[in-house]
Protein backbone atom coordinates (compact mmCIF):
# COMPACT_ATOMS: atom_id res chain seq x y z
CA MET A 1 0.00 0.00 0.00
CA SER A 2 1.00 3.63 -0.36
CA VAL A 3 -0.55 7.00 -1.14
CA ALA A 4 -3.80 6.25 -2.94
CA ALA A 5 -4.89 9.85 -3.52
CA ALA A 6 -4.05 13.39 -2.50
CA TYR A 7 -6.00 16.61 -2.23
CA MET A 8 -5.16 20.30 -2.32
CA VAL A 9 -7.75 22.12 -0.22
CA PRO A 10 -8.18 25.51 1.52
CA HIS A 11 -9.15 26.02 5.14
CA PRO A 12 -11.41 29.08 5.56
CA PRO A 13 -13.33 28.51 8.83
CA LEU A 14 -16.39 30.25 7.40
CA ILE A 15 -16.86 27.33 5.01
CA VAL A 16 -18.18 25.44 8.07
CA PRO A 17 -21.90 26.40 8.14
CA GLU A 18 -21.97 26.91 11.89
CA VAL A 19 -19.16 29.44 11.50
CA GLY A 20 -20.13 31.00 8.19
CA ARG A 21 -23.82 31.47 9.06
CA GLY A 22 -24.64 31.94 5.40
CA GLN A 23 -21.37 33.44 4.18
CA GLU A 24 -20.33 30.01 2.97
CA GLN A 25 -22.88 30.41 0.20
CA ASP A 26 -20.55 32.98 -1.38
CA ILE A 27 -18.02 30.20 -1.97
CA ALA A 28 -20.52 27.55 -3.03
CA GLY A 29 -18.09 26.18 -5.61
CA THR A 30 -15.51 25.49 -2.92
CA VAL A 31 -18.15 23.89 -0.67
CA GLU A 32 -19.27 21.60 -3.49
CA ALA A 33 -15.67 20.69 -4.32
CA TYR A 34 -15.02 19.88 -0.67
CA ARG A 35 -18.01 17.55 -0.58
CA ARG A 36 -16.72 15.76 -3.66
CA VAL A 37 -13.35 15.34 -1.97
CA ALA A 38 -15.01 13.90 1.13
CA GLU A 39 -17.05 11.45 -0.93
CA GLU A 40 -13.94 10.32 -2.80
CA ILE A 41 -12.03 9.77 0.44
CA ALA A 42 -14.95 7.76 1.83
CA SER A 43 -14.91 5.58 -1.27
CA ILE A 44 -11.16 4.98 -0.90
CA ARG A 45 -11.52 4.08 2.79
CA PRO A 46 -7.94 4.96 3.78
CA ASP A 47 -6.25 3.53 6.84
CA THR A 48 -4.44 6.81 7.46
CA ILE A 49 -5.01 10.43 6.50
CA VAL A 50 -1.92 12.62 6.50
CA VAL A 51 -2.62 16.35 6.81
CA ALA A 52 0.05 18.98 6.21
CA SER A 53 -1.12 22.27 7.71
CA PRO A 54 0.53 25.70 7.98
CA HIS A 55 -1.23 26.23 11.31
CA VAL A 56 0.44 23.36 13.17
CA VAL A 57 3.34 24.66 15.28
CA MET A 58 5.98 25.91 12.83
CA HIS A 59 9.71 25.95 13.51
CA GLN A 60 12.30 27.72 11.40
CA ASP A 61 14.57 24.71 10.93
CA TYR A 62 12.51 21.68 12.00
CA PHE A 63 9.36 19.84 10.93
CA HIS A 64 6.98 19.05 13.76
CA ILE A 65 5.05 15.77 13.67
CA SER A 66 2.21 15.83 16.20
CA PRO A 67 2.76 13.21 18.93
CA GLY A 68 0.32 11.42 21.22
CA THR A 69 -2.47 8.93 20.68
CA GLU A 70 -5.30 11.32 19.81
CA ALA A 71 -6.23 14.97 19.52
CA ALA A 72 -9.29 17.17 19.58
CA GLY A 73 -10.27 20.73 18.78
CA ASP A 74 -13.24 22.98 18.19
CA PHE A 75 -14.15 26.13 16.32
CA GLY A 76 -14.62 28.19 19.48
CA GLN A 77 -12.28 30.95 18.34
CA PHE A 78 -14.55 31.37 15.32
CA GLY A 79 -17.77 31.51 17.33
CA ALA A 80 -18.82 27.88 17.00
CA ALA A 81 -17.46 26.02 20.05
CA GLN A 82 -20.19 23.40 19.59
CA VAL A 83 -18.45 22.11 16.44
CA LYS A 84 -15.85 19.67 17.73
CA ILE A 85 -13.38 17.39 15.95
CA GLU A 86 -11.84 14.37 17.68
CA VAL A 87 -9.53 11.95 15.93
CA PRO A 88 -7.10 9.16 16.86
CA TYR A 89 -3.50 9.45 15.68
CA ASP A 90 -1.67 6.72 13.76
CA THR A 91 1.05 6.36 16.37
CA GLU A 92 2.92 3.62 14.54
CA PHE A 93 3.15 5.78 11.42
CA THR A 94 4.24 8.81 13.42
CA ASP A 95 6.93 6.87 15.28
CA GLU A 96 8.22 5.27 12.08
CA LEU A 97 8.39 8.63 10.30
CA ALA A 98 10.25 10.27 13.19
CA GLU A 99 12.66 7.32 13.37
CA LEU A 100 13.32 7.43 9.61
CA ALA A 101 14.01 11.17 9.78
CA GLY A 102 16.42 10.59 12.64
CA ARG A 103 18.32 7.90 10.76
CA GLU A 104 18.62 10.15 7.72
CA GLY A 105 19.74 13.14 9.77
CA PHE A 106 16.64 15.00 8.60
CA PRO A 107 15.21 17.71 10.90
CA ALA A 108 11.79 16.26 11.70
CA GLY A 109 10.31 14.67 14.80
CA THR A 110 7.74 14.77 17.56
CA GLU A 111 9.55 17.16 19.91
CA GLY A 112 8.52 20.72 20.53
CA GLU A 113 4.73 20.59 20.52
CA ARG A 114 3.37 23.82 22.01
CA GLN A 115 -0.34 23.33 21.43
CA ARG A 116 -1.92 19.90 21.37
CA GLU A 117 -5.34 21.02 20.16
CA LEU A 118 -6.15 20.56 16.50
CA ASP A 119 -5.60 23.67 14.39
CA HIS A 120 -8.20 24.98 11.95
CA GLY A 121 -5.97 24.10 8.99
CA THR A 122 -6.53 20.48 10.01
CA MET A 123 -10.08 20.74 11.32
CA VAL A 124 -11.68 22.34 8.26
CA PRO A 125 -10.76 19.43 5.92
CA LEU A 126 -11.64 16.86 8.59
CA TYR A 127 -15.04 18.50 9.16
CA PHE A 128 -16.03 17.52 5.63
CA VAL A 129 -14.27 14.15 5.69
CA ASN A 130 -15.97 13.19 8.96
CA GLU A 131 -19.39 13.82 7.43
CA ARG A 132 -18.73 10.89 5.10
CA TYR A 133 -16.08 8.69 6.71
CA GLY A 134 -14.64 7.95 10.12
CA GLY A 135 -12.56 4.80 9.86
CA TYR A 136 -9.12 6.41 9.72
CA ARG A 137 -6.25 7.52 11.89
CA LEU A 138 -4.51 10.86 11.49
CA VAL A 139 -0.92 11.97 10.99
CA ARG A 140 -0.58 15.74 11.42
CA ILE A 141 2.47 17.44 9.93
CA GLY A 142 3.75 20.97 10.51
CA LEU A 143 5.74 23.02 8.02
CA SER A 144 9.02 24.91 8.50
CA GLY A 145 11.15 27.78 7.31
CA LEU A 146 13.48 25.34 5.56
CA PRO A 147 13.84 25.35 1.75
CA LEU A 148 11.10 23.94 -0.44
CA ALA A 149 13.36 21.04 -1.39
CA ASP A 150 13.30 19.89 2.24
CA HIS A 151 9.49 19.96 2.25
CA TYR A 152 9.52 17.80 -0.86
CA ARG A 153 11.96 15.42 0.81
CA LEU A 154 9.68 15.12 3.85
CA GLY A 155 6.88 14.03 1.50
CA ALA A 156 9.14 11.34 0.05
CA TYR A 157 9.77 10.04 3.59
CA ILE A 158 6.02 9.94 4.23
CA ARG A 159 5.64 7.81 1.14
CA GLN A 160 8.39 5.46 2.28
CA VAL A 161 6.71 4.93 5.64
CA ALA A 162 3.33 4.28 4.02
CA GLU A 163 4.91 1.60 1.85
CA ARG A 164 6.89 0.07 4.70
CA LEU A 165 3.83 -0.19 6.97
CA GLY A 166 1.46 -1.27 4.22
CA ARG A 167 -0.87 1.65 4.86
CA LYS A 168 -3.46 2.90 2.41
CA VAL A 169 -2.91 6.64 2.76
CA VAL A 170 -4.75 9.75 1.65
CA PHE A 171 -2.74 12.98 1.79
CA ILE A 172 -4.47 16.31 2.40
CA ALA A 173 -2.44 19.44 1.68
CA SER A 174 -4.21 22.21 3.57
CA GLY A 175 -3.50 25.76 2.50
CA ASP A 176 -5.06 28.95 1.21
CA LEU A 177 -3.61 30.75 -1.78
CA SER A 178 -2.88 34.50 -1.93
CA HIS A 179 -4.33 36.75 0.77
CA TYR A 180 -3.90 39.89 -1.36
CA LEU A 181 -6.50 39.56 -4.11
CA ARG A 182 -8.83 42.50 -3.44
CA GLU A 183 -8.47 46.07 -2.19
CA GLU A 184 -11.62 45.60 -0.12
CA GLY A 185 -10.41 42.30 1.30
CA PRO A 186 -9.07 41.95 4.83
CA TYR A 187 -5.44 42.13 3.67
CA GLY A 188 -5.68 44.50 0.70
CA TYR A 189 -4.29 44.00 -2.80
CA ARG A 190 -0.88 43.26 -4.27
CA LYS A 191 -0.30 42.47 -7.94
CA GLU A 192 1.64 39.37 -6.89
CA GLY A 193 -1.56 37.94 -5.40
CA PRO A 194 -3.44 37.18 -8.63
CA GLU A 195 -0.12 36.34 -10.33
CA TYR A 196 0.64 33.64 -7.77
CA ASP A 197 -2.88 32.22 -7.89
CA ARG A 198 -2.82 31.95 -11.68
CA LYS A 199 0.52 30.18 -11.60
CA ILE A 200 -0.27 27.82 -8.74
CA MET A 201 -3.63 26.76 -10.16
CA ASP A 202 -1.96 26.02 -13.50
CA ILE A 203 0.79 24.01 -11.80
CA MET A 204 -1.53 22.09 -9.51
CA GLY A 205 -4.24 21.61 -12.10
CA ARG A 206 -1.72 19.81 -14.33
CA ALA A 207 0.22 18.12 -11.52
CA ASP A 208 3.37 19.80 -12.82
CA PHE A 209 4.88 19.43 -9.37
CA GLY A 210 8.49 20.11 -10.34
CA ARG A 211 7.60 23.76 -10.85
CA LEU A 212 6.57 24.12 -7.20
CA LEU A 213 10.23 24.12 -6.21
CA GLU A 214 11.05 26.77 -8.81
CA MET A 215 8.67 29.44 -7.52
CA PRO A 216 10.69 32.37 -6.15
CA GLU A 217 10.45 32.82 -2.41
CA GLU A 218 9.94 36.54 -2.98
CA LEU A 219 6.78 35.84 -4.99
CA LEU A 220 5.46 33.52 -2.27
CA TRP A 221 6.07 36.17 0.37
CA LYS A 222 4.57 39.06 -1.61
CA ALA A 223 1.54 36.95 -2.57
CA GLY A 224 0.87 36.16 1.08
CA GLU A 225 0.10 32.50 0.45
CA CYS A 226 -0.04 29.92 3.23
CA GLY A 227 -0.30 26.65 1.30
CA HIS A 228 2.72 26.37 -0.97
CA ARG A 229 4.78 24.33 1.47
CA SER A 230 1.87 22.00 2.18
CA PHE A 231 1.49 21.42 -1.56
CA THR A 232 5.22 20.74 -1.87
CA VAL A 233 5.16 18.09 0.88
CA MET A 234 2.23 16.48 -0.94
CA ALA A 235 4.20 16.51 -4.20
CA GLY A 236 7.03 14.65 -2.50
CA ALA A 237 4.58 12.05 -1.19
CA LEU A 238 3.45 11.46 -4.79
CA GLU A 239 7.01 11.29 -6.16
CA GLY A 240 7.26 8.75 -8.94
CA ASP A 241 3.52 8.16 -9.16
CA ALA A 242 1.46 8.55 -12.27
CA VAL A 243 -1.50 10.66 -11.19
CA GLU A 244 -4.75 11.77 -12.72
CA ALA A 245 -5.16 15.42 -11.74
CA SER A 246 -8.45 17.27 -11.61
CA ARG A 247 -9.01 20.95 -10.86
CA LEU A 248 -12.35 21.15 -9.07
CA SER A 249 -12.63 24.81 -8.13
CA TYR A 250 -11.01 28.17 -7.62
CA GLU A 251 -12.64 31.13 -5.87
CA GLY A 252 -11.51 34.32 -4.15
CA PRO A 253 -14.51 36.52 -3.35
CA PHE A 254 -13.24 37.55 0.08
CA GLY A 255 -9.77 38.56 -1.12
CA VAL A 256 -8.18 35.18 -0.32
CA GLY A 257 -7.70 32.47 -2.95
CA TYR A 258 -9.29 29.05 -2.38
CA GLY A 259 -8.28 26.22 -4.72
CA VAL A 260 -9.32 22.56 -4.72
CA CYS A 261 -7.51 19.94 -6.82
CA THR A 262 -7.52 16.15 -6.63
CA TYR A 263 -4.85 13.60 -7.50
CA HIS A 264 -5.67 9.95 -8.01
CA VAL A 265 -2.73 7.59 -8.29
CA THR A 266 -3.09 5.46 -11.42
CA GLY A 267 0.22 3.64 -11.25
CA ARG A 268 3.89 4.01 -10.57
CA GLN A 269 6.06 6.01 -12.93
CA ASP A 270 9.36 4.46 -13.77
CA ALA A 271 11.88 5.84 -11.29
CA TYR A 272 14.61 6.14 -13.94
CA VAL A 273 12.45 8.03 -16.42
CA ASN A 274 11.02 10.22 -13.67
CA LEU A 275 14.52 11.10 -12.44
CA ALA A 276 15.78 11.90 -15.95
CA ARG A 277 12.81 14.16 -16.62
CA HIS A 278 13.10 15.93 -13.26
CA ALA A 279 16.85 16.47 -13.77
CA LEU A 280 16.56 17.99 -17.24
CA GLU A 281 13.48 20.09 -16.53
CA THR A 282 15.05 21.56 -13.40
CA TYR A 283 18.29 22.32 -15.20
CA ILE A 284 16.57 23.97 -18.16
CA ARG A 285 14.37 26.11 -15.92
CA THR A 286 16.85 27.04 -13.19
CA GLY A 287 20.35 26.19 -14.39
CA GLU A 288 20.80 24.00 -11.30
CA LYS A 289 21.66 20.31 -11.14
CA ILE A 290 19.36 18.48 -8.75
CA GLU A 291 20.54 16.44 -5.80
CA VAL A 292 19.66 12.75 -5.68
CA PRO A 293 16.06 12.68 -4.39
CA ALA A 294 14.96 10.61 -1.43
CA GLY A 295 12.91 7.49 -2.03
CA LEU A 296 14.75 6.02 -5.02
CA PRO A 297 15.29 2.25 -5.27
CA ASP A 298 18.50 0.99 -3.66
CA GLU A 299 19.78 -0.17 -7.05
CA MET A 300 19.92 3.47 -8.15
CA THR A 301 21.64 4.85 -5.07
CA LYS A 302 23.97 2.02 -4.06
CA GLN A 303 25.21 0.74 -7.42
CA LYS A 304 27.24 2.15 -10.30
CA ALA A 305 26.57 1.44 -13.98
CA GLY A 306 26.76 3.02 -17.39
CA ALA A 307 23.54 4.58 -18.63
CA PHE A 308 22.23 6.29 -21.75
CA VAL A 309 19.45 8.85 -21.65
CA SER A 310 17.54 9.38 -24.90
CA LEU A 311 15.09 12.17 -25.64
CA LYS A 312 12.48 12.18 -28.37
CA LYS A 313 10.27 15.02 -29.49
CA ARG A 314 7.07 13.81 -31.12
CA GLY A 315 8.79 10.53 -31.92
CA VAL A 316 11.97 12.05 -33.39
CA LEU A 317 15.33 11.80 -31.63
CA ARG A 318 16.13 15.07 -29.82
CA GLY A 319 19.23 14.03 -27.88
CA CYS A 320 21.09 10.99 -26.58
CA ILE A 321 24.10 10.93 -24.28
CA GLY A 322 25.46 8.12 -22.15
CA THR A 323 28.35 6.38 -20.51
CA ILE A 324 29.64 2.88 -21.17
CA GLN A 325 30.68 2.41 -17.54
CA GLY A 326 29.60 4.20 -14.40
CA VAL A 327 31.70 7.29 -13.79
CA GLN A 328 29.48 8.92 -11.15
CA PRO A 329 29.29 7.75 -7.52
CA SER A 330 25.89 6.12 -8.14
CA LEU A 331 23.58 5.10 -10.95
CA ALA A 332 21.14 7.83 -9.94
CA GLU A 333 23.84 10.47 -10.39
CA GLU A 334 24.75 8.87 -13.73
CA VAL A 335 21.16 9.34 -14.91
CA ILE A 336 21.02 12.94 -13.66
CA GLU A 337 24.27 13.89 -15.41
CA ASN A 338 23.41 12.14 -18.67
CA ALA A 339 19.87 13.49 -18.80
CA ILE A 340 21.22 17.03 -18.61
CA SER A 341 23.87 16.25 -21.20
CA ALA A 342 21.32 14.71 -23.57
CA GLY A 343 19.29 17.91 -23.37
CA VAL A 344 22.00 20.54 -23.69
CA ARG A 345 25.31 18.92 -24.71
CA ASP A 346 24.54 16.54 -27.59
CA PRO A 347 26.60 18.14 -30.41
CA ARG A 348 24.13 16.95 -33.04
CA PHE A 349 21.32 19.16 -31.70
CA GLN A 350 20.64 22.63 -30.38
CA PRO A 351 20.06 22.70 -26.62
CA VAL A 352 16.52 21.89 -25.52
CA THR A 353 14.43 24.97 -24.72
CA GLU A 354 11.90 25.33 -21.92
CA GLU A 355 9.10 25.51 -24.48
CA GLU A 356 10.00 22.01 -25.70
CA LEU A 357 9.91 20.26 -22.32
CA THR A 358 6.26 19.24 -22.49
CA ASP A 359 6.84 17.59 -25.89
CA LEU A 360 9.70 15.32 -24.78
CA THR A 361 9.59 11.63 -24.00
CA TYR A 362 12.45 9.93 -22.18
CA SER A 363 14.10 6.54 -22.11
CA VAL A 364 16.94 5.37 -19.91
CA ASP A 365 19.08 2.39 -20.86
CA VAL A 366 21.11 0.89 -18.03
CA LEU A 367 24.06 -1.05 -19.39
CA GLY A 368 25.15 -4.43 -18.17
CA THR A 369 28.79 -5.46 -18.07
CA ALA A 370 30.39 -5.63 -21.53
CA GLU A 371 32.00 -8.92 -22.60
CA GLU A 372 34.45 -9.43 -25.43
CA ILE A 373 33.22 -11.72 -28.21
CA GLU A 374 34.97 -13.54 -31.04
CA GLY A 375 32.78 -12.37 -33.90
CA PRO A 376 29.48 -10.99 -35.21
CA GLU A 377 27.82 -14.39 -34.96
CA MET A 378 27.63 -13.87 -31.19
CA LEU A 379 25.55 -10.71 -31.60
CA ASN A 380 21.81 -10.15 -31.87
CA ALA A 381 20.74 -6.65 -32.87
CA LYS A 382 17.57 -6.84 -30.77
CA ARG A 383 19.09 -8.30 -27.63
CA TYR A 384 22.68 -7.05 -27.46
CA GLY A 385 24.31 -3.67 -27.80
CA VAL A 386 27.72 -3.60 -29.43
CA ILE A 387 30.99 -1.82 -28.71
CA VAL A 388 33.45 -1.61 -31.60
CA SER A 389 36.99 -0.49 -30.78
CA SER A 390 40.32 -0.02 -32.48
CA GLY A 391 43.04 1.43 -30.31
CA TRP A 392 41.68 4.49 -28.51
CA ARG A 393 38.70 4.80 -30.87
CA ARG A 394 35.52 3.26 -29.50
CA GLY A 395 31.96 3.30 -30.80
CA LEU A 396 28.83 2.02 -29.05
CA LEU A 397 25.34 1.28 -30.31
CA LEU A 398 22.41 0.30 -28.14
CA PRO A 399 20.28 -2.75 -28.97
CA ASN A 400 16.75 -2.85 -30.31
CA LEU A 401 16.85 0.50 -32.10
CA GLU A 402 14.16 1.39 -34.58
CA GLY A 403 15.30 0.82 -38.19
CA ILE A 404 18.35 -1.26 -37.26
CA ASP A 405 17.46 -4.89 -37.81
CA THR A 406 20.74 -6.66 -38.60
CA VAL A 407 24.05 -7.17 -36.85
CA GLU A 408 25.85 -5.84 -39.93
CA GLU A 409 23.99 -2.53 -39.72
CA GLN A 410 24.67 -2.38 -36.01
CA ILE A 411 28.43 -2.85 -36.43
CA ASP A 412 28.65 -0.41 -39.37
CA ILE A 413 26.97 2.37 -37.44
CA ALA A 414 29.14 1.74 -34.38
CA ARG A 415 32.22 1.93 -36.64
CA GLN A 416 31.04 5.23 -38.09
CA LYS A 417 30.46 6.70 -34.63
CA ALA A 418 34.05 5.78 -33.67
CA GLY A 419 35.59 6.92 -36.96
CA ILE A 420 36.79 3.39 -37.70
CA GLY A 421 37.02 2.41 -41.37
CA GLY A 422 35.18 -0.59 -42.73
CA SER A 423 38.39 -2.52 -43.50
CA GLU A 424 40.12 -1.94 -40.15
CA ARG A 425 40.41 -4.77 -37.67
CA VAL A 426 38.30 -4.21 -34.55
CA LYS A 427 37.57 -5.70 -31.17
CA LEU A 428 33.91 -6.51 -30.56
CA GLU A 429 32.14 -6.45 -27.23
CA ARG A 430 28.50 -7.04 -26.46
CA PHE A 431 26.30 -6.00 -23.58
CA GLU A 432 22.68 -6.21 -22.52
CA VAL A 433 20.58 -3.31 -21.31
CA VAL A 434 17.55 -2.79 -19.16
CA ARG A 435 15.41 -0.17 -20.90
CA HIS A 436 13.18 2.16 -18.93
CA GLY A 437 10.59 4.15 -20.85
CA GLY A 438 9.74 4.15 -24.52
């Protein structure tokens, strides 16, 4: 089991009828979207609901995970003390997450709780969920002043724990958007408010989660948002998943943006392809090379191997760079380096532009150990790649390439790539690959 679905939701207390006393009708689209979310969660019947809320105790350099066996709260500060929320915590999940963070030297744990009562960033989503479903335990996560990349990493740890414990998890990312949408609103107007909301609804509506980490901190601050870090933790929890995204609603009549999006996991993306895409897209957009993300398979982080990354644009080759043997400390770093090189350093092509990124498909070929062979009869163009060498000149061709059906064609092209003439004596080596992606 793992994360089955995730939800981006706001937390205006007035959406609760006992608090809003009719004002909730002005955000009827958000109310309806919330009810759809609750019905979906009830149909999933999760074991655990993880809520990331900006109103849990927040530390500058530490993520707080709420401890204890249960918690309760009410909407008394909003004039509706009769509306109470009580929920049991998933203590095993909480303990496992804190232990994993400790082992990894990651700043997260259960220390430092200042207020045990549930915050409204948690209670508003649970108000709607509890109308439809009650058979879950809660994990409540606070945010921090640490970089967005650390929030993403925390999400990846949450995913690991869900898988390790066999939990069916729903993740709720609680957060409002800009608080500066209208002059007559409670916080006034800044041009960055609508700008942020347009961008974030586009990103979240398409599940283009990599762009969350690229949003400038200055824009987040000037927009006065309070959900971006929650959304980023959620993105990390969905890392490597294929998701079906749906934008249910966006409203901002009171000067604060409220967005609701849903993410249903439809399968697991290939970790190699996902890493290659993330590496190139981040580099093209920011000029930065990513660090190895948390949550990758051990084979990618603890082994070395040669790897080729190929890019195609609408079915036509757009770049291909690789290494015959592992030269980076790990296979994951090999994929990161070669993905960037395939996009911007293949001498046959102009560097990939940001406008092209959505048109690219990726494949990653991980090379097995090469073995010397006596002659072409020991090759198979579909099964084996070939390395042709003469002195310092060396040419490689991957197996099972479109339009290359014979061993003779395979060897000729490898010769050409190495600048080796057709009559020169060569050494032949063969290797097998594991291909990820199309």
